[in-house]
Amino acid sequence: MASRCTFRLDPQAAGVAADVAAEIDEEWRCPHDAHPEADRCVFHLSSDARDGLGVDADAVAERLRTVAGERGKDAKCLLGASLDDLSIRHEIVEAA
C-alpha cells in the first residue's frame, strides 16, 4: 500500500486564501495516497515534479475521475492542489 500524501494546509498560515481558511478549522491533511516515487499525491506535486516522474496531464485527469467517484466529501477534497496544467474542458466528471 502506498504511503499517504504529506501535504498539509494550516488555515492560520500566511498566504492561505480567506475562502480556503473558512473551509477548515484546523490543519488539513491530504487524504490521498502519495505517488509511489514521491512524498505527495499527483494533485500536490508541482508540474515540474510530475514531469520528472513521468506523470502526464492524462494521468492526473484519470486520478481526478477516480477521486470524484469515491464516496464522501473528504475523499474529494483537493485543497492546495496544483492543477495549473490540467484541462478537463471536454470531460464529464461524475461524482459519487
Protein backbone atom coordinates (compact mmCIF):
# COMPACT_ATOMS: atom_id res chain seq x y z
CA MET A 1 0.00 0.00 0.00
CA ALA A 2 1.25 3.46 -0.86
CA SER A 3 2.04 5.98 1.83
CA ARG A 4 -0.19 8.96 2.40
CA CYS A 5 0.47 12.34 0.78
CA THR A 6 2.43 14.62 3.12
CA PHE A 7 0.71 17.85 2.01
CA ARG A 8 -0.66 19.86 4.93
CA LEU A 9 -2.60 23.12 4.94
CA ASP A 10 -2.78 25.29 8.05
CA PRO A 11 -5.66 27.78 7.82
CA GLN A 12 -3.73 30.17 10.08
CA ALA A 13 -0.61 30.20 7.89
CA ALA A 14 0.34 33.31 5.98
CA GLY A 15 -0.71 33.28 2.36
CA VAL A 16 -3.70 30.96 2.78
CA ALA A 17 -6.67 32.40 0.90
CA ALA A 18 -9.56 33.53 3.10
CA ASP A 19 -12.07 31.30 1.30
CA VAL A 20 -9.86 28.26 1.89
CA ALA A 21 -9.26 29.17 5.53
CA ALA A 22 -13.02 29.48 6.02
CA GLU A 23 -13.47 25.86 4.89
CA ILE A 24 -11.26 24.33 7.58
CA ASP A 25 -10.87 24.89 11.32
CA GLU A 26 -7.57 23.13 11.85
CA GLU A 27 -4.64 21.82 9.87
CA TRP A 28 -5.90 19.84 6.89
CA ARG A 29 -4.04 16.74 5.74
CA CYS A 30 -4.41 15.37 2.26
CA PRO A 31 -6.25 12.02 2.37
CA HIS A 32 -4.80 10.69 -0.88
CA ASP A 33 -2.02 8.19 -1.45
CA ALA A 34 1.36 9.60 -2.38
CA HIS A 35 2.86 8.83 -5.77
CA PRO A 36 5.00 5.68 -5.39
CA GLU A 37 8.18 7.67 -6.07
CA ALA A 38 7.33 10.84 -4.13
CA ASP A 39 6.01 12.04 -0.80
CA ARG A 40 2.95 13.73 -2.30
CA CYS A 41 -0.04 12.69 -4.39
CA VAL A 42 -0.26 13.73 -8.04
CA PHE A 43 -2.51 16.66 -7.07
CA HIS A 44 0.05 18.17 -4.70
CA LEU A 45 3.14 17.64 -6.84
CA SER A 46 4.31 20.63 -8.84
CA SER A 47 4.07 20.44 -12.62
CA ASP A 48 7.85 20.04 -12.78
CA ALA A 49 7.80 17.21 -10.24
CA ARG A 50 5.04 15.43 -12.17
CA ASP A 51 7.05 15.83 -15.38
CA GLY A 52 10.13 14.40 -13.67
CA LEU A 53 8.15 11.37 -12.54
CA GLY A 54 6.55 10.85 -15.94
CA VAL A 55 3.06 11.79 -14.74
CA ASP A 56 1.27 13.49 -17.61
CA ALA A 57 -1.95 15.51 -17.59
CA ASP A 58 -3.94 12.48 -18.74
CA ALA A 59 -2.82 10.52 -15.67
CA VAL A 60 -3.80 13.41 -13.38
CA ALA A 61 -7.19 13.69 -15.10
CA GLU A 62 -7.71 9.94 -14.69
CA ARG A 63 -6.87 10.17 -11.00
CA LEU A 64 -9.30 13.11 -10.70
CA ARG A 65 -12.05 10.98 -12.24
CA THR A 66 -11.27 8.22 -9.73
CA VAL A 67 -11.36 10.63 -6.79
CA ALA A 68 -14.66 12.12 -7.99
CA GLY A 69 -16.17 8.64 -7.88
CA GLU A 70 -15.09 7.97 -4.30
CA ARG A 71 -17.68 8.21 -1.56
CA GLY A 72 -17.70 11.09 0.88
CA LYS A 73 -16.73 14.74 0.87
CA ASP A 74 -13.31 14.19 2.45
CA ALA A 75 -12.12 11.90 -0.34
CA LYS A 76 -12.93 14.59 -2.91
CA CYS A 77 -11.20 17.42 -1.07
CA LEU A 78 -8.25 18.79 -3.06
CA LEU A 79 -7.23 21.86 -1.05
CA GLY A 80 -3.95 23.30 -2.28
CA ALA A 81 -3.87 21.12 -5.39
CA SER A 82 -1.55 22.15 -8.20
CA LEU A 83 -3.64 21.69 -11.34
CA ASP A 84 -2.40 24.58 -13.46
CA ASP A 85 -1.61 22.37 -16.46
CA LEU A 86 -4.72 20.19 -16.29
CA SER A 87 -7.56 20.67 -18.73
CA ILE A 88 -10.86 18.89 -18.26
CA ARG A 89 -12.64 21.05 -20.79
CA HIS A 90 -14.21 18.13 -22.67
CA GLU A 91 -14.60 15.81 -19.70
CA ILE A 92 -17.70 14.72 -17.87
CA VAL A 93 -16.75 14.00 -14.28
CA GLU A 94 -19.36 12.12 -12.32
CA ALA A 95 -19.19 12.34 -8.54
CA ALA A 96 -20.47 9.75 -6.11
